[in-house]
Amino acid sequence: MPKPVIAAVNGSANGLGADMALACDFVIAPEDASFAWSYIKRGLIPDGGGMYFLPRRVGLSLAKQLIFTGRKVEAAEALSLGIADRMSRPDALLTDAQAWARELSAGSAAALALSKSIIDKSFELPAEQVFAQGSQAQGICYTTQEHRDAVLVFLNASKEKQA
């Protein structure tokens, strides 16, 4: 998905629900939300992406603890651990998620999509490849109308300040 994806977790995200939330770029949750990777309590493993996404969010050791115990993580702790990125009031969850989405999508759609694509692969690639992909993406960005329009706005603002 070239655009940022926000999971608005309303209530309990257990098992596959927790995996799906972490598959998103960002997670917003109200104070009464909770998360659990309780597969182990059912004799299962996190097969919905939890073994991939959880360690990237919280680190390997903590991910193992959460997966091996299946314990519930309340919203405040989820925020402090990096499972959730923002908190909201239960009655404002969707409004807050939508406002955040507008904020995240205010810039260049091409630059956003290219940045997201490279960042999402950055843990699996050597630094040289990330830098090379960044250089290629920058070349693409230079060709967009969004870039040309932004440069004109900048130049016009500079001229107005000099006058």
C-alpha atoms as a PDB file:
ATOM      1  CA  MET A   1       0.000   0.000   0.000  1.00  0.00           C
ATOM      2  CA  PRO A   2       1.666   3.259  -1.064  1.00  0.00           C
ATOM      3  CA  LYS A   3      -0.239   5.355   1.487  1.00  0.00           C
ATOM      4  CA  PRO A   4       0.143   5.266   5.267  1.00  0.00           C
ATOM      5  CA  VAL A   5      -2.216   2.792   6.933  1.00  0.00           C
ATOM      6  CA  ILE A   6      -3.485   3.519  10.439  1.00  0.00           C
ATOM      7  CA  ALA A   7      -5.034   0.854  12.650  1.00  0.00           C
ATOM      8  CA  ALA A   8      -7.673   2.384  14.918  1.00  0.00           C
ATOM      9  CA  VAL A   9      -7.914  -0.298  17.593  1.00  0.00           C
ATOM     10  CA  ASN A  10     -11.223  -0.104  19.419  1.00  0.00           C
ATOM     11  CA  GLY A  11     -11.285  -2.579  22.300  1.00  0.00           C
ATOM     12  CA  SER A  12      -9.244  -5.746  22.458  1.00  0.00           C
ATOM     13  CA  ALA A  13      -6.858  -6.745  19.689  1.00  0.00           C
ATOM     14  CA  ASN A  14      -6.013 -10.359  20.430  1.00  0.00           C
ATOM     15  CA  GLY A  15      -4.193 -12.861  18.256  1.00  0.00           C
ATOM     16  CA  LEU A  16      -4.857 -12.124  14.604  1.00  0.00           C
ATOM     17  CA  GLY A  17      -6.372  -8.755  15.506  1.00  0.00           C
ATOM     18  CA  ALA A  18      -3.107  -7.712  17.183  1.00  0.00           C
ATOM     19  CA  ASP A  19      -1.126  -9.056  14.209  1.00  0.00           C
ATOM     20  CA  MET A  20      -3.298  -7.076  11.777  1.00  0.00           C
ATOM     21  CA  ALA A  21      -2.876  -3.882  13.796  1.00  0.00           C
ATOM     22  CA  LEU A  22       0.910  -4.213  13.676  1.00  0.00           C
ATOM     23  CA  ALA A  23       0.825  -4.859   9.939  1.00  0.00           C
ATOM     24  CA  CYS A  24      -0.300  -1.247   9.624  1.00  0.00           C
ATOM     25  CA  ASP A  25       2.144   1.647   9.595  1.00  0.00           C
ATOM     26  CA  PHE A  26       0.686   3.221  12.706  1.00  0.00           C
ATOM     27  CA  VAL A  27      -1.586   2.223  15.581  1.00  0.00           C
ATOM     28  CA  ILE A  28      -3.916   4.520  17.489  1.00  0.00           C
ATOM     29  CA  ALA A  29      -5.905   3.196  20.419  1.00  0.00           C
ATOM     30  CA  PRO A  30      -8.184   4.524  23.140  1.00  0.00           C
ATOM     31  CA  GLU A  31      -7.268   4.236  26.807  1.00  0.00           C
ATOM     32  CA  ASP A  32      -9.423   1.118  27.211  1.00  0.00           C
ATOM     33  CA  ALA A  33      -7.828  -0.871  24.361  1.00  0.00           C
ATOM     34  CA  SER A  34      -5.597  -3.893  24.890  1.00  0.00           C
ATOM     35  CA  PHE A  35      -3.354  -6.172  22.856  1.00  0.00           C
ATOM     36  CA  ALA A  36      -2.382  -9.817  23.296  1.00  0.00           C
ATOM     37  CA  TRP A  37      -0.576 -12.444  21.266  1.00  0.00           C
ATOM     38  CA  SER A  38      -2.308 -15.281  23.093  1.00  0.00           C
ATOM     39  CA  TYR A  39      -1.765 -17.963  20.448  1.00  0.00           C
ATOM     40  CA  ILE A  40       0.430 -19.941  22.861  1.00  0.00           C
ATOM     41  CA  LYS A  41      -2.574 -20.423  25.164  1.00  0.00           C
ATOM     42  CA  ARG A  42      -4.332 -22.212  22.304  1.00  0.00           C
ATOM     43  CA  GLY A  43      -1.315 -24.295  21.286  1.00  0.00           C
ATOM     44  CA  LEU A  44      -0.666 -22.082  18.258  1.00  0.00           C
ATOM     45  CA  ILE A  45       1.857 -19.571  16.966  1.00  0.00           C
ATOM     46  CA  PRO A  46       1.317 -16.022  15.643  1.00  0.00           C
ATOM     47  CA  ASP A  47       0.745 -16.856  11.996  1.00  0.00           C
ATOM     48  CA  GLY A  48      -0.778 -13.512  11.009  1.00  0.00           C
ATOM     49  CA  GLY A  49       2.462 -11.546  10.972  1.00  0.00           C
ATOM     50  CA  GLY A  50       3.074 -11.166  14.697  1.00  0.00           C
ATOM     51  CA  MET A  51       6.431 -12.912  14.559  1.00  0.00           C
ATOM     52  CA  TYR A  52       7.543 -10.453  11.872  1.00  0.00           C
ATOM     53  CA  PHE A  53       6.011  -7.153  12.999  1.00  0.00           C
ATOM     54  CA  LEU A  54       6.140  -7.413  16.809  1.00  0.00           C
ATOM     55  CA  PRO A  55       9.953  -7.752  17.080  1.00  0.00           C
ATOM     56  CA  ARG A  56      10.346  -4.770  14.739  1.00  0.00           C
ATOM     57  CA  ARG A  57       8.196  -2.671  17.024  1.00  0.00           C
ATOM     58  CA  VAL A  58       9.341  -3.752  20.473  1.00  0.00           C
ATOM     59  CA  GLY A  59      12.628  -5.623  20.013  1.00  0.00           C
ATOM     60  CA  LEU A  60      13.366  -9.325  19.946  1.00  0.00           C
ATOM     61  CA  SER A  61      13.449 -10.082  23.671  1.00  0.00           C
ATOM     62  CA  LEU A  62      10.179  -8.323  24.496  1.00  0.00           C
ATOM     63  CA  ALA A  63       8.460  -9.831  21.454  1.00  0.00           C
ATOM     64  CA  LYS A  64       9.479 -13.278  22.675  1.00  0.00           C
ATOM     65  CA  GLN A  65       8.113 -12.514  26.146  1.00  0.00           C
ATOM     66  CA  LEU A  66       4.774 -11.325  24.767  1.00  0.00           C
ATOM     67  CA  ILE A  67       4.438 -14.264  22.370  1.00  0.00           C
ATOM     68  CA  PHE A  68       5.678 -16.929  24.830  1.00  0.00           C
ATOM     69  CA  THR A  69       3.367 -15.758  27.657  1.00  0.00           C
ATOM     70  CA  GLY A  70       0.371 -14.498  25.685  1.00  0.00           C
ATOM     71  CA  ARG A  71      -0.150 -11.843  28.358  1.00  0.00           C
ATOM     72  CA  LYS A  72      -2.470  -8.891  27.842  1.00  0.00           C
ATOM     73  CA  VAL A  73      -0.932  -5.464  27.260  1.00  0.00           C
ATOM     74  CA  GLU A  74      -3.145  -2.559  28.294  1.00  0.00           C
ATOM     75  CA  ALA A  75      -3.197   0.608  26.165  1.00  0.00           C
ATOM     76  CA  ALA A  76      -0.888   2.755  28.306  1.00  0.00           C
ATOM     77  CA  GLU A  77       1.750   0.028  28.359  1.00  0.00           C
ATOM     78  CA  ALA A  78       1.255  -0.575  24.618  1.00  0.00           C
ATOM     79  CA  LEU A  79       2.055   3.080  24.013  1.00  0.00           C
ATOM     80  CA  SER A  80       5.174   2.972  26.185  1.00  0.00           C
ATOM     81  CA  LEU A  81       6.384  -0.243  24.498  1.00  0.00           C
ATOM     82  CA  GLY A  82       5.814   1.059  20.964  1.00  0.00           C
ATOM     83  CA  ILE A  83       2.935  -1.287  20.134  1.00  0.00           C
ATOM     84  CA  ALA A  84       0.644   1.731  19.862  1.00  0.00           C
ATOM     85  CA  ASP A  85       1.838   5.060  18.490  1.00  0.00           C
ATOM     86  CA  ARG A  86      -0.877   7.361  19.794  1.00  0.00           C
ATOM     87  CA  MET A  87      -3.660   7.322  22.327  1.00  0.00           C
ATOM     88  CA  SER A  88      -7.158   8.683  21.931  1.00  0.00           C
ATOM     89  CA  ARG A  89     -10.354   8.929  23.894  1.00  0.00           C
ATOM     90  CA  PRO A  90     -12.805   6.137  23.005  1.00  0.00           C
ATOM     91  CA  ASP A  91     -15.362   8.635  21.681  1.00  0.00           C
ATOM     92  CA  ALA A  92     -12.756  10.388  19.492  1.00  0.00           C
ATOM     93  CA  LEU A  93     -10.896   7.379  18.071  1.00  0.00           C
ATOM     94  CA  LEU A  94     -12.113   7.573  14.471  1.00  0.00           C
ATOM     95  CA  THR A  95     -11.968  11.371  14.374  1.00  0.00           C
ATOM     96  CA  ASP A  96      -8.400  11.319  15.708  1.00  0.00           C
ATOM     97  CA  ALA A  97      -7.364   8.573  13.266  1.00  0.00           C
ATOM     98  CA  GLN A  98      -8.823  10.506  10.334  1.00  0.00           C
ATOM     99  CA  ALA A  99      -7.106  13.739  11.420  1.00  0.00           C
ATOM    100  CA  TRP A 100      -3.799  11.871  11.689  1.00  0.00           C
ATOM    101  CA  ALA A 101      -4.327  10.396   8.220  1.00  0.00           C
ATOM    102  CA  ARG A 102      -4.870  13.882   6.793  1.00  0.00           C
ATOM    103  CA  GLU A 103      -1.693  15.077   8.524  1.00  0.00           C
ATOM    104  CA  LEU A 104       0.335  12.153   7.166  1.00  0.00           C
ATOM    105  CA  SER A 105      -0.958  12.622   3.624  1.00  0.00           C
ATOM    106  CA  ALA A 106      -0.487  16.395   3.388  1.00  0.00           C
ATOM    107  CA  GLY A 107       2.836  16.102   1.533  1.00  0.00           C
ATOM    108  CA  SER A 108       3.754  14.795  -1.885  1.00  0.00           C
ATOM    109  CA  ALA A 109       1.988  11.511  -2.655  1.00  0.00           C
ATOM    110  CA  ALA A 110       4.899  10.341  -4.812  1.00  0.00           C
ATOM    111  CA  ALA A 111       7.528  11.162  -2.178  1.00  0.00           C
ATOM    112  CA  LEU A 112       5.398   9.532   0.502  1.00  0.00           C
ATOM    113  CA  ALA A 113       4.917   6.317  -1.476  1.00  0.00           C
ATOM    114  CA  LEU A 114       8.601   6.079  -2.381  1.00  0.00           C
ATOM    115  CA  SER A 115       9.722   6.810   1.188  1.00  0.00           C
ATOM    116  CA  LYS A 116       7.353   4.233   2.616  1.00  0.00           C
ATOM    117  CA  SER A 117       8.485   1.591   0.133  1.00  0.00           C
ATOM    118  CA  ILE A 118      12.144   2.071   1.022  1.00  0.00           C
ATOM    119  CA  ILE A 119      11.625   2.358   4.783  1.00  0.00           C
ATOM    120  CA  ASP A 120       9.531  -0.822   4.824  1.00  0.00           C
ATOM    121  CA  LYS A 121      12.477  -2.762   3.356  1.00  0.00           C
ATOM    122  CA  SER A 122      15.225  -1.015   5.314  1.00  0.00           C
ATOM    123  CA  PHE A 123      15.670  -3.721   7.987  1.00  0.00           C
ATOM    124  CA  GLU A 124      16.230  -6.403   5.372  1.00  0.00           C
ATOM    125  CA  LEU A 125      18.621  -4.488   3.103  1.00  0.00           C
ATOM    126  CA  PRO A 126      22.223  -3.426   3.550  1.00  0.00           C
ATOM    127  CA  ALA A 127      22.721   0.313   4.047  1.00  0.00           C
ATOM    128  CA  GLU A 128      24.231   0.688   0.581  1.00  0.00           C
ATOM    129  CA  GLN A 129      21.042  -0.609  -1.050  1.00  0.00           C
ATOM    130  CA  VAL A 130      18.851   1.666   1.056  1.00  0.00           C
ATOM    131  CA  PHE A 131      20.994   4.652   0.042  1.00  0.00           C
ATOM    132  CA  ALA A 132      20.941   3.578  -3.627  1.00  0.00           C
ATOM    133  CA  GLN A 133      17.167   3.170  -3.599  1.00  0.00           C
ATOM    134  CA  GLY A 134      16.891   6.564  -1.918  1.00  0.00           C
ATOM    135  CA  SER A 135      18.965   8.156  -4.679  1.00  0.00           C
ATOM    136  CA  GLN A 136      16.819   6.535  -7.354  1.00  0.00           C
ATOM    137  CA  ALA A 137      13.626   7.624  -5.606  1.00  0.00           C
ATOM    138  CA  GLN A 138      14.935  11.180  -5.310  1.00  0.00           C
ATOM    139  CA  GLY A 139      15.507  11.198  -9.068  1.00  0.00           C
ATOM    140  CA  ILE A 140      11.886  10.195  -9.557  1.00  0.00           C
ATOM    141  CA  CYS A 141      10.710  12.903  -7.166  1.00  0.00           C
ATOM    142  CA  TYR A 142      12.593  15.566  -9.131  1.00  0.00           C
ATOM    143  CA  THR A 143      10.413  14.737 -12.161  1.00  0.00           C
ATOM    144  CA  THR A 144       7.035  15.161 -10.436  1.00  0.00           C
ATOM    145  CA  GLN A 145       4.711  18.116 -10.779  1.00  0.00           C
ATOM    146  CA  GLU A 146       4.423  18.142  -6.978  1.00  0.00           C
ATOM    147  CA  HIS A 147       8.142  18.917  -6.722  1.00  0.00           C
ATOM    148  CA  ARG A 148       7.998  21.609  -9.397  1.00  0.00           C
ATOM    149  CA  ASP A 149       4.995  23.253  -7.726  1.00  0.00           C
ATOM    150  CA  ALA A 150       6.699  23.162  -4.305  1.00  0.00           C
ATOM    151  CA  VAL A 151       9.861  24.774  -5.715  1.00  0.00           C
ATOM    152  CA  LEU A 152       7.795  27.564  -7.299  1.00  0.00           C
ATOM    153  CA  VAL A 153       5.988  28.208  -3.999  1.00  0.00           C
ATOM    154  CA  PHE A 154       9.376  28.356  -2.228  1.00  0.00           C
ATOM    155  CA  LEU A 155      10.894  30.706  -4.810  1.00  0.00           C
ATOM    156  CA  ASN A 156       7.863  32.996  -4.791  1.00  0.00           C
ATOM    157  CA  ALA A 157       7.917  33.136  -0.976  1.00  0.00           C
ATOM    158  CA  SER A 158      11.627  34.024  -1.075  1.00  0.00           C
ATOM    159  CA  LYS A 159      10.980  36.819  -3.576  1.00  0.00           C
ATOM    160  CA  GLU A 160       8.174  38.223  -1.401  1.00  0.00           C
ATOM    161  CA  LYS A 161      10.452  38.271   1.661  1.00  0.00           C
ATOM    162  CA  GLN A 162      13.160  40.147  -0.288  1.00  0.00           C
ATOM    163  CA  ALA A 163      10.694  42.783  -1.504  1.00  0.00           C
END
